[in-house]
């Protein structure tokens, strides 16, 4: 066989594979269109039934039959969409009715599936149709290694009032990424009583290595009842805990918060001092101006930056302090004041946030 013949065979094989790929794409498109044509009328029927059921003009059995005629992923999408439009009491009745449906039992069984997208379907379904009997499943899904499953499972806490699930979600916090943790905060705000009780219990574990992440999360809740535990932790021996406390106290304007921040802005660890200066700017208590003037002469650049940005929140008093520092004897404070005074209003609003 010559090299030309070999290349010809390779070209023919590649051409055949290309034709096969084109045929596969066309077939896939055709199958999807046929499936959509078959499913669309059922979706339209379900929407009509759900609308009539929400108005009290259709029975729950009609809704369950319409759901059973749809593919499972589409049925779950429909439940997620309609869950926000129906009153809570009627939706709870539908959730109990779904327990007896064969397809709902199959979805629940997917909580232990090896495929993450199956577990995601289960988590999404339970986020809108969970009952007290599903607490064990949801608890397992809250520990899932896939972030999408964790997020979907966390949404269940809005529907099921369970201290067990709240505790499980909070126990997972130290192991979550920032994005997932922020979403957990938004979800757990709706389960405040149980969350606050468990957080206050966790705050008492002074030696818990998870405490910094727990304090960081608690600060996102901005719940006034947590102010006192935060001020108590201002003297914690671990610098990371004090850093998170200093960051959180800026959201709690109170005399005790100001006193704690006045102590933290002189901390031996510079991250603590930087976050305390930032929080003093958020509260903007005039009595803390001397502390921020002093922080403007700190040996650490980040602390000086935070102090200067904080002073911009004090109005005329803060601006005068920066102008004095700009012509003062301390070189580093002078440079930082000049830097911040030269920023535009848009830049200040972004950096001082």
C-alpha atoms as a PDB file:
ATOM      1  CA  UNK A   1       0.000   0.000   0.000  1.00  0.00           C
ATOM      2  CA  UNK A   2       1.392   3.331  -1.000  1.00  0.00           C
ATOM      3  CA  UNK A   3       1.297   6.448   1.138  1.00  0.00           C
ATOM      4  CA  UNK A   4      -1.199   8.020  -1.273  1.00  0.00           C
ATOM      5  CA  UNK A   5      -3.585   5.081  -0.889  1.00  0.00           C
ATOM      6  CA  UNK A   6      -3.216   5.236   2.918  1.00  0.00           C
ATOM      7  CA  UNK A   7      -4.050   8.950   2.963  1.00  0.00           C
ATOM      8  CA  UNK A   8      -7.057   8.283   0.701  1.00  0.00           C
ATOM      9  CA  UNK A   9      -8.384   5.655   3.129  1.00  0.00           C
ATOM     10  CA  UNK A  10      -7.904   8.041   6.050  1.00  0.00           C
ATOM     11  CA  UNK A  11      -9.719  10.826   4.160  1.00  0.00           C
ATOM     12  CA  UNK A  12     -12.646   8.514   3.335  1.00  0.00           C
ATOM     13  CA  UNK A  13     -12.856   7.375   6.971  1.00  0.00           C
ATOM     14  CA  UNK A  14     -12.871  10.966   8.201  1.00  0.00           C
ATOM     15  CA  UNK A  15     -15.510  11.887   5.674  1.00  0.00           C
ATOM     16  CA  UNK A  16     -17.715   9.009   6.804  1.00  0.00           C
ATOM     17  CA  UNK A  17     -17.275  10.019  10.456  1.00  0.00           C
ATOM     18  CA  UNK A  18     -18.184  13.614   9.586  1.00  0.00           C
ATOM     19  CA  UNK A  19     -21.326  12.474   7.742  1.00  0.00           C
ATOM     20  CA  UNK A  20     -22.231  10.244  10.697  1.00  0.00           C
ATOM     21  CA  UNK A  21     -21.795  13.192  13.065  1.00  0.00           C
ATOM     22  CA  UNK A  22     -24.044  15.406  10.942  1.00  0.00           C
ATOM     23  CA  UNK A  23     -26.685  12.663  10.819  1.00  0.00           C
ATOM     24  CA  UNK A  24     -26.439  12.244  14.595  1.00  0.00           C
ATOM     25  CA  UNK A  25     -26.922  15.990  15.155  1.00  0.00           C
ATOM     26  CA  UNK A  26     -29.943  16.035  12.814  1.00  0.00           C
ATOM     27  CA  UNK A  27     -31.478  12.973  14.505  1.00  0.00           C
ATOM     28  CA  UNK A  28     -30.909  14.459  17.951  1.00  0.00           C
ATOM     29  CA  UNK A  29     -32.559  17.702  16.878  1.00  0.00           C
ATOM     30  CA  UNK A  30     -35.476  15.810  15.350  1.00  0.00           C
ATOM     31  CA  UNK A  31     -35.974  13.700  18.472  1.00  0.00           C
ATOM     32  CA  UNK A  32     -35.892  16.801  20.675  1.00  0.00           C
ATOM     33  CA  UNK A  33     -38.464  18.565  18.488  1.00  0.00           C
ATOM     34  CA  UNK A  34     -40.768  15.538  18.558  1.00  0.00           C
ATOM     35  CA  UNK A  35     -40.407  15.230  22.306  1.00  0.00           C
ATOM     36  CA  UNK A  36     -41.105  18.933  22.746  1.00  0.00           C
ATOM     37  CA  UNK A  37     -44.150  18.722  20.503  1.00  0.00           C
ATOM     38  CA  UNK A  38     -45.402  15.856  22.645  1.00  0.00           C
ATOM     39  CA  UNK A  39     -44.650  17.483  25.990  1.00  0.00           C
ATOM     40  CA  UNK A  40     -45.699  21.097  25.311  1.00  0.00           C
ATOM     41  CA  UNK A  41     -49.460  20.403  25.307  1.00  0.00           C
ATOM     42  CA  UNK A  42     -49.070  18.602  28.638  1.00  0.00           C
ATOM     43  CA  UNK A  43     -47.156  21.548  30.093  1.00  0.00           C
ATOM     44  CA  UNK A  44     -49.857  23.930  28.915  1.00  0.00           C
ATOM     45  CA  UNK A  45     -52.477  21.638  30.451  1.00  0.00           C
ATOM     46  CA  UNK A  46     -50.581  21.549  33.764  1.00  0.00           C
ATOM     47  CA  UNK A  47     -50.284  25.337  33.878  1.00  0.00           C
ATOM     48  CA  UNK A  48     -54.024  25.655  33.287  1.00  0.00           C
ATOM     49  CA  UNK A  49     -54.816  23.098  35.992  1.00  0.00           C
ATOM     50  CA  UNK A  50     -52.401  24.719  38.461  1.00  0.00           C
ATOM     51  CA  UNK A  51     -53.935  28.120  37.837  1.00  0.00           C
ATOM     52  CA  UNK A  52     -57.438  26.797  38.423  1.00  0.00           C
ATOM     53  CA  UNK A  53     -56.249  24.888  41.521  1.00  0.00           C
ATOM     54  CA  UNK A  54     -54.608  28.024  42.944  1.00  0.00           C
ATOM     55  CA  UNK A  55     -57.975  29.793  42.536  1.00  0.00           C
ATOM     56  CA  UNK A  56     -59.834  26.901  44.164  1.00  0.00           C
ATOM     57  CA  UNK A  57     -61.500  25.835  40.912  1.00  0.00           C
ATOM     58  CA  UNK A  58     -59.739  22.474  40.487  1.00  0.00           C
ATOM     59  CA  UNK A  59     -59.011  19.529  42.768  1.00  0.00           C
ATOM     60  CA  UNK A  60     -55.615  18.389  43.977  1.00  0.00           C
ATOM     61  CA  UNK A  61     -56.079  15.060  42.194  1.00  0.00           C
ATOM     62  CA  UNK A  62     -56.257  16.880  38.851  1.00  0.00           C
ATOM     63  CA  UNK A  63     -52.937  18.548  39.592  1.00  0.00           C
ATOM     64  CA  UNK A  64     -51.321  15.242  40.565  1.00  0.00           C
ATOM     65  CA  UNK A  65     -52.560  13.554  37.377  1.00  0.00           C
ATOM     66  CA  UNK A  66     -51.252  16.413  35.223  1.00  0.00           C
ATOM     67  CA  UNK A  67     -47.854  16.220  36.935  1.00  0.00           C
ATOM     68  CA  UNK A  68     -47.648  12.439  36.456  1.00  0.00           C
ATOM     69  CA  UNK A  69     -48.075  12.824  32.679  1.00  0.00           C
ATOM     70  CA  UNK A  70     -44.936  14.956  32.390  1.00  0.00           C
ATOM     71  CA  UNK A  71     -41.294  13.822  32.312  1.00  0.00           C
ATOM     72  CA  UNK A  72     -39.859  14.011  35.827  1.00  0.00           C
ATOM     73  CA  UNK A  73     -37.399  16.934  35.234  1.00  0.00           C
ATOM     74  CA  UNK A  74     -40.161  19.034  33.658  1.00  0.00           C
ATOM     75  CA  UNK A  75     -42.553  18.183  36.486  1.00  0.00           C
ATOM     76  CA  UNK A  76     -39.929  19.313  39.005  1.00  0.00           C
ATOM     77  CA  UNK A  77     -39.396  22.565  37.071  1.00  0.00           C
ATOM     78  CA  UNK A  78     -43.139  23.186  37.136  1.00  0.00           C
ATOM     79  CA  UNK A  79     -43.320  22.584  40.890  1.00  0.00           C
ATOM     80  CA  UNK A  80     -40.415  24.980  41.521  1.00  0.00           C
ATOM     81  CA  UNK A  81     -42.059  27.639  39.343  1.00  0.00           C
ATOM     82  CA  UNK A  82     -45.507  27.357  40.913  1.00  0.00           C
ATOM     83  CA  UNK A  83     -44.319  27.021  44.521  1.00  0.00           C
ATOM     84  CA  UNK A  84     -43.831  30.803  44.727  1.00  0.00           C
ATOM     85  CA  UNK A  85     -47.335  31.544  43.415  1.00  0.00           C
ATOM     86  CA  UNK A  86     -49.475  29.388  45.705  1.00  0.00           C
ATOM     87  CA  UNK A  87     -50.367  30.038  49.346  1.00  0.00           C
ATOM     88  CA  UNK A  88     -48.287  28.102  51.852  1.00  0.00           C
ATOM     89  CA  UNK A  89     -51.178  26.123  53.364  1.00  0.00           C
ATOM     90  CA  UNK A  90     -52.445  24.829  50.008  1.00  0.00           C
ATOM     91  CA  UNK A  91     -48.907  24.006  48.902  1.00  0.00           C
ATOM     92  CA  UNK A  92     -48.350  21.911  52.026  1.00  0.00           C
ATOM     93  CA  UNK A  93     -51.452  19.915  51.132  1.00  0.00           C
ATOM     94  CA  UNK A  94     -50.028  19.301  47.657  1.00  0.00           C
ATOM     95  CA  UNK A  95     -46.705  18.218  49.187  1.00  0.00           C
ATOM     96  CA  UNK A  96     -48.483  15.623  51.278  1.00  0.00           C
ATOM     97  CA  UNK A  97     -50.398  14.450  48.203  1.00  0.00           C
ATOM     98  CA  UNK A  98     -47.146  14.035  46.254  1.00  0.00           C
ATOM     99  CA  UNK A  99     -45.879  11.518  48.825  1.00  0.00           C
ATOM    100  CA  UNK A 100     -48.126   8.844  47.334  1.00  0.00           C
ATOM    101  CA  UNK A 101     -47.052   9.428  43.718  1.00  0.00           C
ATOM    102  CA  UNK A 102     -44.807   6.749  42.198  1.00  0.00           C
ATOM    103  CA  UNK A 103     -42.620   9.232  40.345  1.00  0.00           C
ATOM    104  CA  UNK A 104     -42.142  11.324  43.492  1.00  0.00           C
ATOM    105  CA  UNK A 105     -41.016   8.219  45.380  1.00  0.00           C
ATOM    106  CA  UNK A 106     -38.511   7.516  42.591  1.00  0.00           C
ATOM    107  CA  UNK A 107     -37.164  11.078  42.824  1.00  0.00           C
ATOM    108  CA  UNK A 108     -36.796  10.773  46.600  1.00  0.00           C
ATOM    109  CA  UNK A 109     -34.843   7.538  46.147  1.00  0.00           C
ATOM    110  CA  UNK A 110     -32.304   9.466  44.050  1.00  0.00           C
ATOM    111  CA  UNK A 111     -30.956  11.101  47.215  1.00  0.00           C
ATOM    112  CA  UNK A 112     -28.419   8.253  47.336  1.00  0.00           C
ATOM    113  CA  UNK A 113     -27.702   8.147  43.605  1.00  0.00           C
ATOM    114  CA  UNK A 114     -24.080   7.998  42.438  1.00  0.00           C
ATOM    115  CA  UNK A 115     -24.940  10.590  39.745  1.00  0.00           C
ATOM    116  CA  UNK A 116     -24.890  14.145  41.076  1.00  0.00           C
ATOM    117  CA  UNK A 117     -27.538  15.383  38.639  1.00  0.00           C
ATOM    118  CA  UNK A 118     -29.958  12.764  39.990  1.00  0.00           C
ATOM    119  CA  UNK A 119     -29.247  13.971  43.522  1.00  0.00           C
ATOM    120  CA  UNK A 120     -29.790  17.521  42.271  1.00  0.00           C
ATOM    121  CA  UNK A 121     -33.233  16.552  40.936  1.00  0.00           C
ATOM    122  CA  UNK A 122     -34.033  15.091  44.348  1.00  0.00           C
ATOM    123  CA  UNK A 123     -32.801  18.214  46.158  1.00  0.00           C
ATOM    124  CA  UNK A 124     -34.781  20.539  43.860  1.00  0.00           C
ATOM    125  CA  UNK A 125     -37.910  18.447  44.336  1.00  0.00           C
ATOM    126  CA  UNK A 126     -37.534  18.395  48.132  1.00  0.00           C
ATOM    127  CA  UNK A 127     -36.886  22.162  48.161  1.00  0.00           C
ATOM    128  CA  UNK A 128     -40.557  22.683  47.284  1.00  0.00           C
ATOM    129  CA  UNK A 129     -42.240  19.401  48.258  1.00  0.00           C
ATOM    130  CA  UNK A 130     -40.463  18.178  51.389  1.00  0.00           C
ATOM    131  CA  UNK A 131     -42.434  16.972  54.395  1.00  0.00           C
ATOM    132  CA  UNK A 132     -41.219  16.180  57.945  1.00  0.00           C
ATOM    133  CA  UNK A 133     -40.570  12.608  56.762  1.00  0.00           C
ATOM    134  CA  UNK A 134     -37.861  13.894  54.412  1.00  0.00           C
ATOM    135  CA  UNK A 135     -35.650  15.398  57.126  1.00  0.00           C
ATOM    136  CA  UNK A 136     -33.171  12.514  56.928  1.00  0.00           C
ATOM    137  CA  UNK A 137     -32.857  12.830  53.147  1.00  0.00           C
ATOM    138  CA  UNK A 138     -32.416  16.594  53.259  1.00  0.00           C
ATOM    139  CA  UNK A 139     -29.815  16.270  56.000  1.00  0.00           C
ATOM    140  CA  UNK A 140     -27.860  13.897  53.780  1.00  0.00           C
ATOM    141  CA  UNK A 141     -28.135  16.232  50.776  1.00  0.00           C
ATOM    142  CA  UNK A 142     -26.901  19.180  52.860  1.00  0.00           C
ATOM    143  CA  UNK A 143     -23.625  17.248  53.201  1.00  0.00           C
ATOM    144  CA  UNK A 144     -23.403  16.484  49.483  1.00  0.00           C
ATOM    145  CA  UNK A 145     -19.962  17.021  47.902  1.00  0.00           C
ATOM    146  CA  UNK A 146     -21.468  18.858  44.908  1.00  0.00           C
ATOM    147  CA  UNK A 147     -22.179  22.588  45.533  1.00  0.00           C
ATOM    148  CA  UNK A 148     -25.285  22.657  43.292  1.00  0.00           C
ATOM    149  CA  UNK A 149     -26.890  19.900  45.364  1.00  0.00           C
ATOM    150  CA  UNK A 150     -25.992  21.711  48.594  1.00  0.00           C
ATOM    151  CA  UNK A 151     -27.576  24.933  47.373  1.00  0.00           C
ATOM    152  CA  UNK A 152     -30.788  23.213  46.296  1.00  0.00           C
ATOM    153  CA  UNK A 153     -30.999  21.291  49.572  1.00  0.00           C
ATOM    154  CA  UNK A 154     -30.483  24.472  51.610  1.00  0.00           C
ATOM    155  CA  UNK A 155     -33.594  25.976  49.999  1.00  0.00           C
ATOM    156  CA  UNK A 156     -35.616  23.257  51.752  1.00  0.00           C
ATOM    157  CA  UNK A 157     -35.074  25.099  55.040  1.00  0.00           C
ATOM    158  CA  UNK A 158     -37.554  27.732  53.837  1.00  0.00           C
ATOM    159  CA  UNK A 159     -40.303  25.089  53.694  1.00  0.00           C
ATOM    160  CA  UNK A 160     -39.499  22.691  56.545  1.00  0.00           C
ATOM    161  CA  UNK A 161     -39.175  24.137  60.038  1.00  0.00           C
ATOM    162  CA  UNK A 162     -36.638  21.761  61.578  1.00  0.00           C
ATOM    163  CA  UNK A 163     -33.942  22.576  64.157  1.00  0.00           C
ATOM    164  CA  UNK A 164     -32.176  19.391  63.046  1.00  0.00           C
ATOM    165  CA  UNK A 165     -31.796  20.698  59.484  1.00  0.00           C
ATOM    166  CA  UNK A 166     -30.734  24.133  60.683  1.00  0.00           C
ATOM    167  CA  UNK A 167     -28.048  22.553  62.859  1.00  0.00           C
ATOM    168  CA  UNK A 168     -26.892  20.377  59.947  1.00  0.00           C
ATOM    169  CA  UNK A 169     -26.681  23.413  57.635  1.00  0.00           C
ATOM    170  CA  UNK A 170     -24.733  25.464  60.182  1.00  0.00           C
ATOM    171  CA  UNK A 171     -22.354  22.579  60.849  1.00  0.00           C
ATOM    172  CA  UNK A 172     -21.510  22.591  57.140  1.00  0.00           C
ATOM    173  CA  UNK A 173     -20.624  26.289  57.036  1.00  0.00           C
ATOM    174  CA  UNK A 174     -16.870  25.984  57.661  1.00  0.00           C
ATOM    175  CA  UNK A 175     -16.566  23.654  54.676  1.00  0.00           C
ATOM    176  CA  UNK A 176     -18.469  25.821  52.169  1.00  0.00           C
ATOM    177  CA  UNK A 177     -17.058  28.151  49.566  1.00  0.00           C
ATOM    178  CA  UNK A 178     -17.836  31.895  49.819  1.00  0.00           C
ATOM    179  CA  UNK A 179     -20.579  31.795  47.150  1.00  0.00           C
ATOM    180  CA  UNK A 180     -22.389  28.840  48.723  1.00  0.00           C
ATOM    181  CA  UNK A 181     -21.990  30.388  52.171  1.00  0.00           C
ATOM    182  CA  UNK A 182     -23.543  33.668  50.999  1.00  0.00           C
ATOM    183  CA  UNK A 183     -26.517  31.756  49.602  1.00  0.00           C
ATOM    184  CA  UNK A 184     -26.866  29.812  52.865  1.00  0.00           C
ATOM    185  CA  UNK A 185     -27.035  33.145  54.696  1.00  0.00           C
ATOM    186  CA  UNK A 186     -29.882  34.368  52.496  1.00  0.00           C
ATOM    187  CA  UNK A 187     -31.784  31.103  53.013  1.00  0.00           C
ATOM    188  CA  UNK A 188     -31.207  30.795  56.747  1.00  0.00           C
ATOM    189  CA  UNK A 189     -32.423  34.356  57.328  1.00  0.00           C
ATOM    190  CA  UNK A 190     -35.908  32.934  56.837  1.00  0.00           C
ATOM    191  CA  UNK A 191     -35.389  30.394  59.641  1.00  0.00           C
ATOM    192  CA  UNK A 192     -34.145  32.960  62.155  1.00  0.00           C
ATOM    193  CA  UNK A 193     -35.360  31.579  65.525  1.00  0.00           C
ATOM    194  CA  UNK A 194     -33.753  28.160  65.101  1.00  0.00           C
ATOM    195  CA  UNK A 195     -30.645  29.641  63.460  1.00  0.00           C
ATOM    196  CA  UNK A 196     -30.071  32.176  66.227  1.00  0.00           C
ATOM    197  CA  UNK A 197     -30.496  29.565  68.971  1.00  0.00           C
ATOM    198  CA  UNK A 198     -27.950  27.274  67.342  1.00  0.00           C
ATOM    199  CA  UNK A 199     -25.507  30.105  66.590  1.00  0.00           C
ATOM    200  CA  UNK A 200     -25.539  31.245  70.204  1.00  0.00           C
ATOM    201  CA  UNK A 201     -24.805  27.642  71.196  1.00  0.00           C
ATOM    202  CA  UNK A 202     -21.878  27.500  68.738  1.00  0.00           C
ATOM    203  CA  UNK A 203     -20.503  30.833  69.992  1.00  0.00           C
ATOM    204  CA  UNK A 204     -19.997  29.270  73.417  1.00  0.00           C
ATOM    205  CA  UNK A 205     -17.538  26.726  71.961  1.00  0.00           C
ATOM    206  CA  UNK A 206     -14.506  28.953  72.440  1.00  0.00           C
ATOM    207  CA  UNK A 207     -12.014  26.316  71.279  1.00  0.00           C
ATOM    208  CA  UNK A 208     -13.929  25.223  68.176  1.00  0.00           C
ATOM    209  CA  UNK A 209     -11.667  25.571  65.086  1.00  0.00           C
ATOM    210  CA  UNK A 210     -14.780  26.368  63.026  1.00  0.00           C
ATOM    211  CA  UNK A 211     -15.574  29.463  65.086  1.00  0.00           C
ATOM    212  CA  UNK A 212     -14.066  32.044  62.658  1.00  0.00           C
ATOM    213  CA  UNK A 213     -16.244  30.830  59.773  1.00  0.00           C
ATOM    214  CA  UNK A 214     -19.299  30.656  62.019  1.00  0.00           C
ATOM    215  CA  UNK A 215     -18.755  34.250  63.179  1.00  0.00           C
ATOM    216  CA  UNK A 216     -18.258  35.357  59.562  1.00  0.00           C
ATOM    217  CA  UNK A 217     -21.567  33.753  58.606  1.00  0.00           C
ATOM    218  CA  UNK A 218     -23.395  35.179  61.619  1.00  0.00           C
ATOM    219  CA  UNK A 219     -22.288  38.660  60.584  1.00  0.00           C
ATOM    220  CA  UNK A 220     -24.081  38.209  57.259  1.00  0.00           C
ATOM    221  CA  UNK A 221     -27.392  37.758  59.089  1.00  0.00           C
ATOM    222  CA  UNK A 222     -27.220  41.260  60.625  1.00  0.00           C
ATOM    223  CA  UNK A 223     -29.446  40.097  63.463  1.00  0.00           C
ATOM    224  CA  UNK A 224     -29.475  42.563  66.418  1.00  0.00           C
ATOM    225  CA  UNK A 225     -29.695  39.782  69.005  1.00  0.00           C
ATOM    226  CA  UNK A 226     -26.201  38.633  67.975  1.00  0.00           C
ATOM    227  CA  UNK A 227     -24.561  41.939  68.886  1.00  0.00           C
ATOM    228  CA  UNK A 228     -23.912  40.944  72.491  1.00  0.00           C
ATOM    229  CA  UNK A 229     -22.248  37.597  71.604  1.00  0.00           C
ATOM    230  CA  UNK A 230     -20.077  39.440  69.076  1.00  0.00           C
ATOM    231  CA  UNK A 231     -18.848  41.950  71.656  1.00  0.00           C
ATOM    232  CA  UNK A 232     -18.113  39.078  74.044  1.00  0.00           C
ATOM    233  CA  UNK A 233     -15.889  37.453  71.406  1.00  0.00           C
ATOM    234  CA  UNK A 234     -13.900  40.678  70.930  1.00  0.00           C
ATOM    235  CA  UNK A 235     -11.368  39.372  73.478  1.00  0.00           C
ATOM    236  CA  UNK A 236     -11.083  35.887  71.933  1.00  0.00           C
ATOM    237  CA  UNK A 237      -7.478  34.606  71.940  1.00  0.00           C
ATOM    238  CA  UNK A 238      -7.563  33.682  68.230  1.00  0.00           C
ATOM    239  CA  UNK A 239      -6.818  36.585  65.875  1.00  0.00           C
ATOM    240  CA  UNK A 240      -9.029  35.235  63.062  1.00  0.00           C
ATOM    241  CA  UNK A 241     -12.050  35.218  65.395  1.00  0.00           C
ATOM    242  CA  UNK A 242     -11.333  38.814  66.457  1.00  0.00           C
ATOM    243  CA  UNK A 243     -10.971  39.791  62.784  1.00  0.00           C
ATOM    244  CA  UNK A 244     -14.413  38.433  61.939  1.00  0.00           C
ATOM    245  CA  UNK A 245     -15.899  40.056  65.052  1.00  0.00           C
ATOM    246  CA  UNK A 246     -14.389  43.420  64.089  1.00  0.00           C
ATOM    247  CA  UNK A 247     -15.816  43.049  60.581  1.00  0.00           C
ATOM    248  CA  UNK A 248     -19.300  42.127  61.842  1.00  0.00           C
ATOM    249  CA  UNK A 249     -19.654  44.824  64.517  1.00  0.00           C
ATOM    250  CA  UNK A 250     -19.835  47.534  61.879  1.00  0.00           C
ATOM    251  CA  UNK A 251     -23.364  46.329  61.114  1.00  0.00           C
ATOM    252  CA  UNK A 252     -24.481  46.858  64.729  1.00  0.00           C
ATOM    253  CA  UNK A 253     -24.444  50.590  65.585  1.00  0.00           C
ATOM    254  CA  UNK A 254     -24.490  50.603  69.386  1.00  0.00           C
ATOM    255  CA  UNK A 255     -22.444  52.061  72.218  1.00  0.00           C
ATOM    256  CA  UNK A 256     -21.108  48.618  73.149  1.00  0.00           C
ATOM    257  CA  UNK A 257     -20.118  47.974  69.516  1.00  0.00           C
ATOM    258  CA  UNK A 258     -18.235  51.284  69.458  1.00  0.00           C
ATOM    259  CA  UNK A 259     -16.468  50.404  72.706  1.00  0.00           C
ATOM    260  CA  UNK A 260     -15.462  46.959  71.418  1.00  0.00           C
ATOM    261  CA  UNK A 261     -14.196  48.406  68.131  1.00  0.00           C
ATOM    262  CA  UNK A 262     -12.225  51.062  69.997  1.00  0.00           C
ATOM    263  CA  UNK A 263     -10.450  48.192  71.732  1.00  0.00           C
ATOM    264  CA  UNK A 264      -9.993  46.135  68.550  1.00  0.00           C
ATOM    265  CA  UNK A 265      -8.560  49.040  66.522  1.00  0.00           C
ATOM    266  CA  UNK A 266      -5.543  48.818  68.829  1.00  0.00           C
ATOM    267  CA  UNK A 267      -5.200  45.028  68.512  1.00  0.00           C
ATOM    268  CA  UNK A 268      -1.763  43.468  68.068  1.00  0.00           C
ATOM    269  CA  UNK A 269      -2.849  41.763  64.799  1.00  0.00           C
ATOM    270  CA  UNK A 270      -3.060  44.164  61.851  1.00  0.00           C
ATOM    271  CA  UNK A 271      -6.022  42.377  60.113  1.00  0.00           C
ATOM    272  CA  UNK A 272      -8.049  42.987  63.285  1.00  0.00           C
ATOM    273  CA  UNK A 273      -7.053  46.668  63.341  1.00  0.00           C
ATOM    274  CA  UNK A 274      -7.930  47.056  59.644  1.00  0.00           C
ATOM    275  CA  UNK A 275     -11.386  45.532  60.022  1.00  0.00           C
ATOM    276  CA  UNK A 276     -12.046  47.523  63.197  1.00  0.00           C
ATOM    277  CA  UNK A 277     -11.175  50.767  61.373  1.00  0.00           C
ATOM    278  CA  UNK A 278     -13.528  49.794  58.541  1.00  0.00           C
ATOM    279  CA  UNK A 279     -16.369  49.094  60.989  1.00  0.00           C
ATOM    280  CA  UNK A 280     -15.807  52.348  62.863  1.00  0.00           C
ATOM    281  CA  UNK A 281     -16.334  54.098  59.540  1.00  0.00           C
ATOM    282  CA  UNK A 282     -19.581  52.219  58.986  1.00  0.00           C
ATOM    283  CA  UNK A 283     -20.929  53.335  62.374  1.00  0.00           C
ATOM    284  CA  UNK A 284     -19.382  56.834  62.061  1.00  0.00           C
ATOM    285  CA  UNK A 285     -19.637  57.729  65.746  1.00  0.00           C
ATOM    286  CA  UNK A 286     -17.955  61.175  66.207  1.00  0.00           C
ATOM    287  CA  UNK A 287     -16.328  59.988  69.445  1.00  0.00           C
ATOM    288  CA  UNK A 288     -14.174  57.530  67.459  1.00  0.00           C
ATOM    289  CA  UNK A 289     -12.478  60.203  65.311  1.00  0.00           C
ATOM    290  CA  UNK A 290      -9.350  60.292  67.555  1.00  0.00           C
ATOM    291  CA  UNK A 291      -8.962  56.499  67.249  1.00  0.00           C
ATOM    292  CA  UNK A 292      -9.118  56.699  63.458  1.00  0.00           C
ATOM    293  CA  UNK A 293      -6.672  59.612  63.369  1.00  0.00           C
ATOM    294  CA  UNK A 294      -4.286  57.407  65.302  1.00  0.00           C
ATOM    295  CA  UNK A 295      -4.946  54.449  62.982  1.00  0.00           C
ATOM    296  CA  UNK A 296      -4.021  56.715  60.059  1.00  0.00           C
ATOM    297  CA  UNK A 297      -0.443  56.582  61.427  1.00  0.00           C
ATOM    298  CA  UNK A 298      -0.392  52.802  61.780  1.00  0.00           C
ATOM    299  CA  UNK A 299       2.703  50.903  60.669  1.00  0.00           C
ATOM    300  CA  UNK A 300       0.637  48.665  58.365  1.00  0.00           C
ATOM    301  CA  UNK A 301      -0.479  50.061  54.983  1.00  0.00           C
ATOM    302  CA  UNK A 302      -3.838  48.277  54.987  1.00  0.00           C
ATOM    303  CA  UNK A 303      -4.763  49.690  58.384  1.00  0.00           C
ATOM    304  CA  UNK A 304      -3.915  53.214  57.213  1.00  0.00           C
ATOM    305  CA  UNK A 305      -6.012  52.712  54.066  1.00  0.00           C
ATOM    306  CA  UNK A 306      -9.006  51.467  56.042  1.00  0.00           C
ATOM    307  CA  UNK A 307      -8.692  54.321  58.514  1.00  0.00           C
ATOM    308  CA  UNK A 308      -8.522  56.924  55.737  1.00  0.00           C
ATOM    309  CA  UNK A 309     -11.526  55.442  53.932  1.00  0.00           C
ATOM    310  CA  UNK A 310     -13.419  55.285  57.220  1.00  0.00           C
ATOM    311  CA  UNK A 311     -12.773  58.970  57.833  1.00  0.00           C
ATOM    312  CA  UNK A 312     -14.506  59.838  54.547  1.00  0.00           C
ATOM    313  CA  UNK A 313     -17.748  58.571  56.116  1.00  0.00           C
ATOM    314  CA  UNK A 314     -17.633  61.174  58.901  1.00  0.00           C
ATOM    315  CA  UNK A 315     -18.561  64.106  56.703  1.00  0.00           C
ATOM    316  CA  UNK A 316     -16.827  67.412  57.354  1.00  0.00           C
ATOM    317  CA  UNK A 317     -15.104  66.164  60.517  1.00  0.00           C
ATOM    318  CA  UNK A 318     -13.504  63.239  58.738  1.00  0.00           C
ATOM    319  CA  UNK A 319     -12.464  65.325  55.749  1.00  0.00           C
ATOM    320  CA  UNK A 320     -10.841  67.894  58.043  1.00  0.00           C
ATOM    321  CA  UNK A 321      -8.910  65.087  59.739  1.00  0.00           C
ATOM    322  CA  UNK A 322      -7.613  63.925  56.359  1.00  0.00           C
ATOM    323  CA  UNK A 323      -6.676  67.476  55.332  1.00  0.00           C
ATOM    324  CA  UNK A 324      -4.746  67.936  58.586  1.00  0.00           C
ATOM    325  CA  UNK A 325      -2.956  64.621  58.039  1.00  0.00           C
ATOM    326  CA  UNK A 326      -2.107  65.630  54.462  1.00  0.00           C
ATOM    327  CA  UNK A 327       0.001  68.536  55.727  1.00  0.00           C
ATOM    328  CA  UNK A 328       1.044  66.886  59.004  1.00  0.00           C
ATOM    329  CA  UNK A 329       4.482  65.663  60.096  1.00  0.00           C
ATOM    330  CA  UNK A 330       3.812  61.910  59.689  1.00  0.00           C
ATOM    331  CA  UNK A 331       4.984  60.940  56.175  1.00  0.00           C
ATOM    332  CA  UNK A 332       2.967  57.731  55.816  1.00  0.00           C
ATOM    333  CA  UNK A 333      -0.236  59.333  57.093  1.00  0.00           C
ATOM    334  CA  UNK A 334       0.393  62.276  54.778  1.00  0.00           C
ATOM    335  CA  UNK A 335       0.740  59.983  51.734  1.00  0.00           C
ATOM    336  CA  UNK A 336      -2.393  57.990  52.591  1.00  0.00           C
ATOM    337  CA  UNK A 337      -4.492  61.095  53.206  1.00  0.00           C
ATOM    338  CA  UNK A 338      -3.372  62.517  49.855  1.00  0.00           C
ATOM    339  CA  UNK A 339      -4.227  59.232  48.119  1.00  0.00           C
ATOM    340  CA  UNK A 340      -7.754  59.024  49.545  1.00  0.00           C
ATOM    341  CA  UNK A 341      -8.519  62.718  49.106  1.00  0.00           C
ATOM    342  CA  UNK A 342      -7.612  62.361  45.436  1.00  0.00           C
ATOM    343  CA  UNK A 343     -10.153  59.586  44.819  1.00  0.00           C
ATOM    344  CA  UNK A 344     -13.392  60.319  42.978  1.00  0.00           C
ATOM    345  CA  UNK A 345     -16.751  59.902  44.701  1.00  0.00           C
ATOM    346  CA  UNK A 346     -17.422  56.721  42.714  1.00  0.00           C
ATOM    347  CA  UNK A 347     -14.093  55.226  43.757  1.00  0.00           C
ATOM    348  CA  UNK A 348     -14.715  56.151  47.392  1.00  0.00           C
ATOM    349  CA  UNK A 349     -18.153  54.531  47.397  1.00  0.00           C
ATOM    350  CA  UNK A 350     -16.615  51.350  46.020  1.00  0.00           C
ATOM    351  CA  UNK A 351     -13.506  51.142  48.204  1.00  0.00           C
ATOM    352  CA  UNK A 352     -15.145  52.258  51.427  1.00  0.00           C
ATOM    353  CA  UNK A 353     -17.927  49.651  51.185  1.00  0.00           C
END
